[in-house]
Every structure is written in structure tokens, then in C-alpha cells.
N, C-alpha and C. Protein backbone atom coordinates (compact mmCIF):
# COMPACT_ATOMS: atom_id res chain seq x y z
N UNK A 1 -25.24 -17.21 -22.14
CA UNK A 1 -25.83 -16.31 -21.17
C UNK A 1 -26.54 -15.15 -21.87
N UNK A 2 -25.93 -14.64 -22.95
CA UNK A 2 -26.53 -13.52 -23.67
C UNK A 2 -27.88 -13.91 -24.27
N UNK A 3 -27.96 -15.05 -24.91
CA UNK A 3 -29.22 -15.50 -25.50
C UNK A 3 -30.28 -15.71 -24.42
N UNK A 4 -29.90 -16.29 -23.31
CA UNK A 4 -30.85 -16.49 -22.22
C UNK A 4 -31.35 -15.16 -21.68
N UNK A 5 -30.46 -14.18 -21.54
CA UNK A 5 -30.86 -12.87 -21.05
C UNK A 5 -31.81 -12.16 -21.99
N UNK A 6 -31.53 -12.23 -23.28
CA UNK A 6 -32.41 -11.61 -24.28
C UNK A 6 -33.78 -12.29 -24.25
N UNK A 7 -33.78 -13.60 -24.18
CA UNK A 7 -35.04 -14.35 -24.16
C UNK A 7 -35.87 -14.04 -22.93
N UNK A 8 -35.24 -13.90 -21.79
CA UNK A 8 -35.96 -13.59 -20.56
C UNK A 8 -36.57 -12.20 -20.61
N UNK A 9 -35.80 -11.21 -21.05
CA UNK A 9 -36.32 -9.85 -21.11
C UNK A 9 -37.47 -9.74 -22.11
N UNK A 10 -37.34 -10.39 -23.25
CA UNK A 10 -38.36 -10.30 -24.30
C UNK A 10 -39.54 -11.24 -24.07
N UNK A 11 -39.46 -12.12 -23.08
CA UNK A 11 -40.51 -13.12 -22.80
C UNK A 11 -40.77 -13.99 -24.03
N UNK A 12 -39.70 -14.37 -24.70
CA UNK A 12 -39.82 -15.24 -25.87
C UNK A 12 -38.85 -16.41 -25.71
N UNK A 13 -39.33 -17.51 -25.19
CA UNK A 13 -38.45 -18.65 -24.95
C UNK A 13 -37.94 -19.25 -26.25
N UNK A 14 -36.78 -19.87 -26.17
CA UNK A 14 -36.19 -20.53 -27.34
C UNK A 14 -36.70 -21.95 -27.46
N UNK A 15 -36.65 -22.46 -28.69
CA UNK A 15 -37.00 -23.85 -28.96
C UNK A 15 -35.81 -24.48 -29.67
N UNK A 16 -35.09 -25.30 -28.95
CA UNK A 16 -33.97 -26.04 -29.52
C UNK A 16 -34.47 -27.41 -29.94
N UNK A 17 -34.03 -27.89 -31.11
CA UNK A 17 -34.47 -29.19 -31.62
C UNK A 17 -34.22 -30.29 -30.59
N UNK A 18 -35.29 -31.04 -30.31
CA UNK A 18 -35.18 -32.16 -29.39
C UNK A 18 -35.36 -31.80 -27.93
N UNK A 19 -35.62 -30.53 -27.65
CA UNK A 19 -35.78 -30.09 -26.27
C UNK A 19 -37.07 -29.28 -26.14
N UNK A 20 -37.62 -29.21 -24.94
CA UNK A 20 -38.89 -28.49 -24.78
C UNK A 20 -38.72 -26.97 -24.94
N UNK A 21 -39.80 -26.33 -25.33
CA UNK A 21 -39.83 -24.89 -25.44
C UNK A 21 -39.46 -24.28 -24.10
N UNK A 22 -38.56 -23.33 -24.11
CA UNK A 22 -38.15 -22.66 -22.88
C UNK A 22 -36.88 -23.20 -22.28
N UNK A 23 -36.32 -24.25 -22.87
CA UNK A 23 -35.03 -24.76 -22.39
C UNK A 23 -34.00 -23.65 -22.58
N UNK A 24 -33.29 -23.32 -21.54
CA UNK A 24 -32.30 -22.26 -21.62
C UNK A 24 -31.04 -22.78 -22.30
N UNK A 25 -30.35 -21.89 -22.98
CA UNK A 25 -29.11 -22.27 -23.66
C UNK A 25 -28.10 -22.82 -22.64
N UNK A 26 -28.11 -22.25 -21.46
CA UNK A 26 -27.20 -22.69 -20.41
C UNK A 26 -27.47 -24.12 -19.98
N UNK A 27 -28.69 -24.61 -20.19
CA UNK A 27 -29.06 -25.96 -19.78
C UNK A 27 -28.77 -27.03 -20.82
N UNK A 28 -28.39 -26.64 -22.03
CA UNK A 28 -28.16 -27.62 -23.08
C UNK A 28 -27.02 -28.56 -22.68
N UNK A 29 -27.25 -29.86 -22.81
CA UNK A 29 -26.25 -30.81 -22.32
C UNK A 29 -25.02 -30.98 -23.22
N UNK A 30 -25.14 -30.60 -24.49
CA UNK A 30 -23.98 -30.76 -25.37
C UNK A 30 -24.00 -29.71 -26.48
N UNK A 31 -22.98 -29.74 -27.31
CA UNK A 31 -22.86 -28.75 -28.38
C UNK A 31 -23.45 -29.22 -29.70
N UNK A 32 -24.08 -30.38 -29.71
CA UNK A 32 -24.66 -30.90 -30.95
C UNK A 32 -25.95 -30.18 -31.34
N UNK A 33 -26.54 -29.45 -30.42
CA UNK A 33 -27.78 -28.73 -30.69
C UNK A 33 -27.48 -27.57 -31.62
N UNK A 34 -28.22 -27.50 -32.73
CA UNK A 34 -27.98 -26.45 -33.71
C UNK A 34 -28.52 -25.11 -33.22
N UNK A 35 -27.67 -24.10 -33.29
CA UNK A 35 -28.07 -22.74 -32.93
C UNK A 35 -27.08 -21.77 -33.56
N UNK A 36 -27.56 -21.04 -34.55
CA UNK A 36 -26.71 -20.05 -35.21
C UNK A 36 -26.22 -19.02 -34.20
N UNK A 37 -27.11 -18.57 -33.32
CA UNK A 37 -26.73 -17.57 -32.33
C UNK A 37 -25.60 -18.09 -31.44
N UNK A 38 -25.75 -19.28 -30.90
CA UNK A 38 -24.73 -19.82 -30.00
C UNK A 38 -23.40 -20.05 -30.73
N UNK A 39 -23.46 -20.52 -31.95
CA UNK A 39 -22.23 -20.71 -32.72
C UNK A 39 -21.56 -19.37 -33.02
N UNK A 40 -22.35 -18.36 -33.38
CA UNK A 40 -21.82 -17.05 -33.71
C UNK A 40 -21.18 -16.37 -32.49
N UNK A 41 -21.78 -16.61 -31.34
CA UNK A 41 -21.28 -15.94 -30.13
C UNK A 41 -20.30 -16.79 -29.33
N UNK A 42 -19.67 -17.74 -29.99
CA UNK A 42 -18.53 -18.43 -29.40
C UNK A 42 -18.83 -19.59 -28.50
N UNK A 43 -19.88 -20.34 -28.81
CA UNK A 43 -20.13 -21.54 -28.01
C UNK A 43 -18.92 -22.44 -28.11
N UNK A 44 -18.32 -22.82 -26.99
CA UNK A 44 -17.13 -23.68 -27.05
C UNK A 44 -17.50 -25.11 -27.43
N UNK A 45 -16.59 -25.83 -28.05
CA UNK A 45 -16.89 -27.21 -28.43
C UNK A 45 -16.94 -28.17 -27.24
N UNK A 46 -16.55 -27.74 -26.07
CA UNK A 46 -16.53 -28.54 -24.85
C UNK A 46 -15.66 -29.79 -24.98
N UNK A 47 -14.58 -29.65 -25.74
CA UNK A 47 -13.64 -30.75 -25.87
C UNK A 47 -12.73 -30.82 -24.65
N UNK A 48 -12.60 -29.69 -23.98
CA UNK A 48 -11.78 -29.61 -22.77
C UNK A 48 -12.60 -28.91 -21.70
N UNK A 49 -12.14 -28.95 -20.49
CA UNK A 49 -12.84 -28.27 -19.41
C UNK A 49 -12.16 -26.97 -19.03
N UNK A 50 -11.40 -26.43 -19.95
CA UNK A 50 -10.65 -25.21 -19.67
C UNK A 50 -11.43 -23.98 -20.10
N UNK A 51 -11.31 -22.92 -19.33
CA UNK A 51 -11.98 -21.66 -19.66
C UNK A 51 -11.44 -21.08 -20.96
N UNK A 52 -10.20 -21.36 -21.27
CA UNK A 52 -9.59 -20.81 -22.49
C UNK A 52 -10.23 -21.35 -23.76
N UNK A 53 -11.05 -22.38 -23.63
CA UNK A 53 -11.75 -22.94 -24.79
C UNK A 53 -12.82 -21.98 -25.31
N UNK A 54 -13.33 -21.12 -24.44
CA UNK A 54 -14.36 -20.16 -24.83
C UNK A 54 -13.75 -18.99 -25.57
N UNK A 55 -14.49 -18.49 -26.57
CA UNK A 55 -14.04 -17.33 -27.33
C UNK A 55 -14.69 -16.09 -26.72
N UNK A 56 -13.89 -15.08 -26.40
CA UNK A 56 -14.44 -13.88 -25.80
C UNK A 56 -14.12 -12.61 -26.59
N UNK A 57 -13.52 -12.76 -27.76
CA UNK A 57 -13.20 -11.61 -28.59
C UNK A 57 -14.38 -11.33 -29.53
N UNK A 58 -14.92 -10.10 -29.50
CA UNK A 58 -16.05 -9.79 -30.38
C UNK A 58 -15.66 -9.89 -31.86
N UNK A 59 -16.64 -10.26 -32.68
CA UNK A 59 -16.39 -10.38 -34.11
C UNK A 59 -17.38 -9.54 -34.91
N UNK A 60 -17.06 -9.30 -36.16
CA UNK A 60 -17.96 -8.57 -37.05
C UNK A 60 -19.28 -9.34 -37.22
N UNK A 61 -19.20 -10.64 -37.32
CA UNK A 61 -20.41 -11.45 -37.48
C UNK A 61 -21.34 -11.27 -36.28
N UNK A 62 -20.78 -11.21 -35.08
CA UNK A 62 -21.60 -10.99 -33.90
C UNK A 62 -22.27 -9.62 -33.96
N UNK A 63 -21.50 -8.61 -34.31
CA UNK A 63 -22.06 -7.25 -34.38
C UNK A 63 -23.18 -7.17 -35.41
N UNK A 64 -22.96 -7.75 -36.58
CA UNK A 64 -23.98 -7.72 -37.62
C UNK A 64 -25.24 -8.48 -37.20
N UNK A 65 -25.04 -9.60 -36.51
CA UNK A 65 -26.21 -10.37 -36.07
C UNK A 65 -27.01 -9.60 -35.03
N UNK A 66 -26.34 -8.90 -34.13
CA UNK A 66 -27.06 -8.11 -33.13
C UNK A 66 -27.76 -6.93 -33.81
N UNK A 67 -27.09 -6.29 -34.75
CA UNK A 67 -27.66 -5.11 -35.40
C UNK A 67 -28.90 -5.45 -36.22
N UNK A 68 -28.82 -6.48 -37.05
CA UNK A 68 -29.96 -6.76 -37.93
C UNK A 68 -30.27 -8.24 -38.10
N UNK A 69 -29.81 -9.06 -37.18
CA UNK A 69 -30.09 -10.49 -37.27
C UNK A 69 -31.48 -10.83 -36.78
N UNK A 70 -31.90 -12.03 -37.08
CA UNK A 70 -33.24 -12.48 -36.74
C UNK A 70 -33.48 -12.65 -35.24
N UNK A 71 -32.49 -13.11 -34.52
CA UNK A 71 -32.71 -13.47 -33.12
C UNK A 71 -33.30 -12.32 -32.32
N UNK A 72 -32.59 -11.23 -32.22
CA UNK A 72 -33.02 -10.11 -31.39
C UNK A 72 -34.28 -9.44 -31.95
N UNK A 73 -34.28 -9.19 -33.25
CA UNK A 73 -35.43 -8.52 -33.86
C UNK A 73 -36.71 -9.34 -33.75
N UNK A 74 -36.63 -10.62 -34.00
CA UNK A 74 -37.83 -11.47 -33.90
C UNK A 74 -38.35 -11.57 -32.47
N UNK A 75 -37.44 -11.63 -31.52
CA UNK A 75 -37.86 -11.72 -30.12
C UNK A 75 -38.57 -10.43 -29.69
N UNK A 76 -38.04 -9.29 -30.08
CA UNK A 76 -38.65 -8.02 -29.68
C UNK A 76 -39.99 -7.78 -30.38
N UNK A 77 -40.14 -8.28 -31.60
CA UNK A 77 -41.37 -8.06 -32.37
C UNK A 77 -42.40 -9.17 -32.18
N UNK A 78 -42.08 -10.17 -31.41
CA UNK A 78 -42.96 -11.33 -31.24
C UNK A 78 -44.34 -10.89 -30.74
N UNK A 79 -45.41 -11.39 -31.36
CA UNK A 79 -46.76 -10.98 -30.96
C UNK A 79 -47.13 -11.40 -29.54
N UNK A 80 -46.45 -12.36 -28.98
CA UNK A 80 -46.75 -12.77 -27.61
C UNK A 80 -45.60 -12.43 -26.66
N UNK A 81 -44.72 -11.52 -27.10
CA UNK A 81 -43.57 -11.14 -26.30
C UNK A 81 -43.89 -10.05 -25.28
N UNK A 82 -42.87 -9.60 -24.61
CA UNK A 82 -43.01 -8.64 -23.51
C UNK A 82 -43.62 -7.33 -23.97
N UNK A 83 -43.18 -6.79 -25.08
CA UNK A 83 -43.67 -5.47 -25.51
C UNK A 83 -45.16 -5.53 -25.83
N UNK A 84 -45.57 -6.53 -26.59
CA UNK A 84 -47.00 -6.64 -26.90
C UNK A 84 -47.83 -6.92 -25.65
N UNK A 85 -47.29 -7.71 -24.73
CA UNK A 85 -48.01 -7.99 -23.49
C UNK A 85 -48.22 -6.70 -22.69
N UNK A 86 -47.17 -5.89 -22.58
CA UNK A 86 -47.28 -4.63 -21.84
C UNK A 86 -48.27 -3.67 -22.51
N UNK A 87 -48.26 -3.64 -23.84
CA UNK A 87 -49.19 -2.77 -24.56
C UNK A 87 -50.63 -3.25 -24.38
N UNK A 88 -50.86 -4.55 -24.48
CA UNK A 88 -52.21 -5.10 -24.31
C UNK A 88 -52.76 -4.84 -22.91
N UNK A 89 -51.87 -4.82 -21.93
CA UNK A 89 -52.29 -4.57 -20.56
C UNK A 89 -52.51 -3.09 -20.27
N UNK A 90 -52.14 -2.24 -21.23
CA UNK A 90 -52.32 -0.81 -21.05
C UNK A 90 -51.34 -0.18 -20.08
N UNK A 91 -50.17 -0.78 -19.96
CA UNK A 91 -49.16 -0.26 -19.04
C UNK A 91 -48.65 1.09 -19.56
N UNK A 92 -48.58 2.09 -18.70
CA UNK A 92 -48.09 3.41 -19.13
C UNK A 92 -46.62 3.35 -19.55
N UNK A 93 -46.24 4.28 -20.43
CA UNK A 93 -44.87 4.30 -20.97
C UNK A 93 -43.82 4.32 -19.87
N UNK A 94 -44.02 5.12 -18.84
CA UNK A 94 -43.02 5.23 -17.77
C UNK A 94 -42.78 3.87 -17.10
N UNK A 95 -43.84 3.10 -16.90
CA UNK A 95 -43.68 1.78 -16.29
C UNK A 95 -43.03 0.78 -17.25
N UNK A 96 -43.30 0.91 -18.55
CA UNK A 96 -42.65 0.05 -19.54
C UNK A 96 -41.15 0.32 -19.55
N UNK A 97 -40.78 1.59 -19.54
CA UNK A 97 -39.36 1.95 -19.52
C UNK A 97 -38.72 1.41 -18.24
N UNK A 98 -39.40 1.56 -17.12
CA UNK A 98 -38.88 1.06 -15.86
C UNK A 98 -38.69 -0.45 -15.92
N UNK A 99 -39.68 -1.16 -16.47
CA UNK A 99 -39.57 -2.61 -16.62
C UNK A 99 -38.35 -2.99 -17.45
N UNK A 100 -38.18 -2.35 -18.61
CA UNK A 100 -37.05 -2.68 -19.47
C UNK A 100 -35.71 -2.45 -18.78
N UNK A 101 -35.60 -1.35 -18.06
CA UNK A 101 -34.35 -1.05 -17.35
C UNK A 101 -34.11 -2.03 -16.21
N UNK A 102 -35.15 -2.33 -15.44
CA UNK A 102 -34.98 -3.29 -14.36
C UNK A 102 -34.64 -4.68 -14.89
N UNK A 103 -35.31 -5.11 -15.95
CA UNK A 103 -35.06 -6.44 -16.51
C UNK A 103 -33.67 -6.54 -17.14
N UNK A 104 -33.23 -5.46 -17.78
CA UNK A 104 -31.94 -5.51 -18.48
C UNK A 104 -30.76 -5.12 -17.60
N UNK A 105 -30.94 -4.08 -16.79
CA UNK A 105 -29.80 -3.51 -16.07
C UNK A 105 -29.88 -3.69 -14.55
N UNK A 106 -30.99 -4.21 -14.06
CA UNK A 106 -31.21 -4.34 -12.61
C UNK A 106 -31.15 -2.98 -11.91
N UNK A 107 -31.65 -1.96 -12.61
CA UNK A 107 -31.72 -0.62 -12.02
C UNK A 107 -32.85 0.15 -12.69
N UNK A 108 -33.30 1.19 -12.01
CA UNK A 108 -34.30 2.08 -12.58
C UNK A 108 -33.59 3.06 -13.53
N UNK A 109 -34.31 3.59 -14.52
CA UNK A 109 -33.67 4.58 -15.40
C UNK A 109 -33.37 5.86 -14.62
N UNK A 110 -32.27 6.50 -15.00
CA UNK A 110 -31.92 7.80 -14.39
C UNK A 110 -32.89 8.85 -14.91
N UNK A 111 -32.97 9.96 -14.20
CA UNK A 111 -33.90 11.02 -14.59
C UNK A 111 -33.70 11.47 -16.03
N UNK A 112 -32.45 11.67 -16.43
CA UNK A 112 -32.17 12.12 -17.80
C UNK A 112 -32.60 11.06 -18.81
N UNK A 113 -32.39 9.78 -18.48
CA UNK A 113 -32.77 8.70 -19.40
C UNK A 113 -34.29 8.64 -19.55
N UNK A 114 -35.00 8.69 -18.44
CA UNK A 114 -36.46 8.58 -18.51
C UNK A 114 -37.04 9.79 -19.24
N UNK A 115 -36.50 10.97 -19.01
CA UNK A 115 -36.99 12.18 -19.67
C UNK A 115 -36.79 12.07 -21.19
N UNK A 116 -35.62 11.65 -21.61
CA UNK A 116 -35.32 11.53 -23.04
C UNK A 116 -36.18 10.46 -23.71
N UNK A 117 -36.30 9.32 -23.07
CA UNK A 117 -37.05 8.20 -23.64
C UNK A 117 -38.54 8.54 -23.72
N UNK A 118 -39.09 9.11 -22.67
CA UNK A 118 -40.51 9.45 -22.69
C UNK A 118 -40.81 10.51 -23.74
N UNK A 119 -39.87 11.44 -23.96
CA UNK A 119 -40.05 12.41 -25.04
C UNK A 119 -40.14 11.74 -26.40
N UNK A 120 -39.29 10.75 -26.64
CA UNK A 120 -39.33 10.01 -27.90
C UNK A 120 -40.62 9.21 -28.05
N UNK A 121 -41.10 8.62 -26.97
CA UNK A 121 -42.34 7.87 -27.03
C UNK A 121 -43.55 8.78 -27.26
N UNK A 122 -43.53 9.96 -26.66
CA UNK A 122 -44.62 10.92 -26.91
C UNK A 122 -44.61 11.38 -28.36
N UNK A 123 -43.42 11.58 -28.92
CA UNK A 123 -43.33 11.97 -30.33
C UNK A 123 -43.89 10.86 -31.22
N UNK A 124 -43.64 9.61 -30.88
CA UNK A 124 -44.19 8.49 -31.65
C UNK A 124 -45.70 8.46 -31.55
N UNK A 125 -46.23 8.75 -30.36
CA UNK A 125 -47.69 8.76 -30.16
C UNK A 125 -48.35 9.87 -30.97
N UNK A 126 -47.70 11.04 -31.04
CA UNK A 126 -48.27 12.13 -31.83
C UNK A 126 -48.20 11.81 -33.32
N UNK A 127 -47.21 11.03 -33.73
CA UNK A 127 -47.10 10.60 -35.13
C UNK A 127 -48.29 9.71 -35.47
N UNK A 128 -48.70 8.87 -34.54
CA UNK A 128 -49.85 7.99 -34.76
C UNK A 128 -51.12 8.81 -35.03
N UNK A 129 -51.29 9.86 -34.26
CA UNK A 129 -52.47 10.71 -34.44
C UNK A 129 -52.48 11.36 -35.81
N UNK A 130 -51.31 11.76 -36.29
CA UNK A 130 -51.21 12.44 -37.58
C UNK A 130 -51.42 11.48 -38.75
N UNK A 131 -51.00 10.21 -38.59
CA UNK A 131 -51.09 9.25 -39.69
C UNK A 131 -52.43 8.55 -39.76
N UNK A 132 -53.18 8.55 -38.68
CA UNK A 132 -54.49 7.89 -38.69
C UNK A 132 -54.41 6.48 -38.13
N UNK A 133 -55.56 5.88 -37.95
CA UNK A 133 -55.67 4.57 -37.29
C UNK A 133 -55.18 3.42 -38.15
N UNK A 134 -55.15 3.58 -39.47
CA UNK A 134 -54.78 2.45 -40.33
C UNK A 134 -53.26 2.24 -40.43
N UNK A 135 -52.47 3.19 -40.00
CA UNK A 135 -51.01 3.07 -40.07
C UNK A 135 -50.52 2.11 -38.98
N UNK A 136 -49.35 1.49 -39.19
CA UNK A 136 -48.77 0.64 -38.14
C UNK A 136 -48.57 1.46 -36.86
N UNK A 137 -48.63 0.82 -35.73
CA UNK A 137 -48.55 1.50 -34.45
C UNK A 137 -47.14 2.04 -34.19
N UNK A 138 -46.94 3.35 -34.28
CA UNK A 138 -45.61 3.91 -34.06
C UNK A 138 -45.15 3.81 -32.61
N UNK A 139 -46.10 3.77 -31.67
CA UNK A 139 -45.71 3.59 -30.26
C UNK A 139 -45.09 2.22 -30.07
N UNK A 140 -45.71 1.20 -30.64
CA UNK A 140 -45.16 -0.15 -30.55
C UNK A 140 -43.79 -0.20 -31.19
N UNK A 141 -43.66 0.41 -32.37
CA UNK A 141 -42.36 0.44 -33.07
C UNK A 141 -41.31 1.15 -32.22
N UNK A 142 -41.71 2.25 -31.57
CA UNK A 142 -40.76 2.98 -30.72
C UNK A 142 -40.35 2.13 -29.52
N UNK A 143 -41.28 1.37 -28.95
CA UNK A 143 -40.94 0.50 -27.82
C UNK A 143 -40.05 -0.66 -28.25
N UNK A 144 -40.29 -1.20 -29.43
CA UNK A 144 -39.41 -2.24 -29.96
C UNK A 144 -38.01 -1.67 -30.16
N UNK A 145 -37.92 -0.46 -30.70
CA UNK A 145 -36.62 0.19 -30.88
C UNK A 145 -35.94 0.43 -29.53
N UNK A 146 -36.72 0.82 -28.54
CA UNK A 146 -36.16 1.02 -27.20
C UNK A 146 -35.63 -0.31 -26.65
N UNK A 147 -36.39 -1.37 -26.81
CA UNK A 147 -35.93 -2.69 -26.38
C UNK A 147 -34.64 -3.07 -27.07
N UNK A 148 -34.56 -2.80 -28.37
CA UNK A 148 -33.34 -3.09 -29.13
C UNK A 148 -32.17 -2.27 -28.58
N UNK A 149 -32.40 -0.99 -28.31
CA UNK A 149 -31.33 -0.12 -27.79
C UNK A 149 -30.85 -0.60 -26.43
N UNK A 150 -31.77 -1.03 -25.59
CA UNK A 150 -31.40 -1.53 -24.27
C UNK A 150 -30.58 -2.81 -24.39
N UNK A 151 -31.07 -3.74 -25.22
CA UNK A 151 -30.40 -5.05 -25.34
C UNK A 151 -29.08 -5.00 -26.11
N UNK A 152 -28.85 -3.96 -26.88
CA UNK A 152 -27.58 -3.85 -27.60
C UNK A 152 -26.62 -2.88 -26.91
N UNK A 153 -27.02 -2.36 -25.77
CA UNK A 153 -26.15 -1.44 -25.05
C UNK A 153 -24.97 -2.17 -24.42
N UNK A 154 -23.90 -1.45 -24.22
CA UNK A 154 -22.74 -2.03 -23.55
C UNK A 154 -23.09 -2.48 -22.14
N UNK A 155 -23.94 -1.71 -21.48
CA UNK A 155 -24.32 -2.05 -20.11
C UNK A 155 -24.97 -3.43 -20.04
N UNK A 156 -25.83 -3.76 -21.00
CA UNK A 156 -26.46 -5.08 -20.99
C UNK A 156 -25.51 -6.16 -21.48
N UNK A 157 -24.86 -5.93 -22.59
CA UNK A 157 -24.07 -6.99 -23.21
C UNK A 157 -22.80 -7.33 -22.45
N UNK A 158 -22.25 -6.39 -21.71
CA UNK A 158 -20.97 -6.65 -21.08
C UNK A 158 -21.02 -6.62 -19.54
N UNK A 159 -22.08 -6.10 -18.96
CA UNK A 159 -22.15 -6.04 -17.51
C UNK A 159 -23.12 -7.04 -16.91
N UNK A 160 -24.07 -7.54 -17.72
CA UNK A 160 -25.10 -8.42 -17.14
C UNK A 160 -25.23 -9.71 -17.88
């Protein structure tokens, strides 16, 4: 469920060997499909039909993979993902923040959250002006960081 949620928010479908692009992890018919993410996050072997077969205790490996693993970072930085799509469409920062909160938490950001986040995004935009046009886009980097913060929050990982 976690991988599917991350993929949906980031607009970056997964490609599992032998299955079409966009096949959700939840739809996989068996456990023979290779996926480091699914194995790390406790994919059960499906040897039994009992709920106790699933692992629900967090591990250090899971934390490290979320913090700096390829899955989340690559999805957020994908050139055809949600963040780049919103930037190409010229969507204002406030609407991007609203989109991320609605997609991840099924709620709009609170006033304090939107105020704090927009302040950080404005600071990133002013950094771009100071560094010149040839520097990497700090607004994009700030939005990727925001996406990472949203997807690694307790509210997303444990409530949705």
C-alpha cells in the first residue's frame, strides 16, 4: 500500500518484471516478483492466509531506505513526475502545496503549515535570483524536498 501511495502521489508508476507499466503492487498475483521495496517493507510470503504473516514492526532498513533510498528519491525527482508536471504547467506554489496535502493526507494544509511552507519556497526562489540562471532550480529542489517531507511524515506513512 505504501509503494502504491507514493507512486500515485508522485505520478511515477512502477514497472515490475513481466507486468505492464503502472501495475500496482497490490495487484501483483504472487511474491515471486522482485522488488527491493516490497521485500524491505515486509511483503509476506503468502504461505498462509493469516494476517499474522505480515510484518508490521518498523526496521532500520526501512527507515534508511525511506531517508535516502532510490525509490522515494527517484520518484520525486522523475522528469515526468508530479513535481515537474506542476512546474511546467506554471502552477502557483500555494496550489502545489494544496495538491501535495490533498494527495497525501486527504486534507488542505492548515494556515500555519501553508505559511511556513510558502516562506521556504519564497526563500528558495530568491536564492535562484542570487545564483543566476545557470544554477540548478532551487524552487524545484525545494518542492522535491517538500514532497519528501510529506511522504515521510507520520501522517502519510501511518494514517493513509
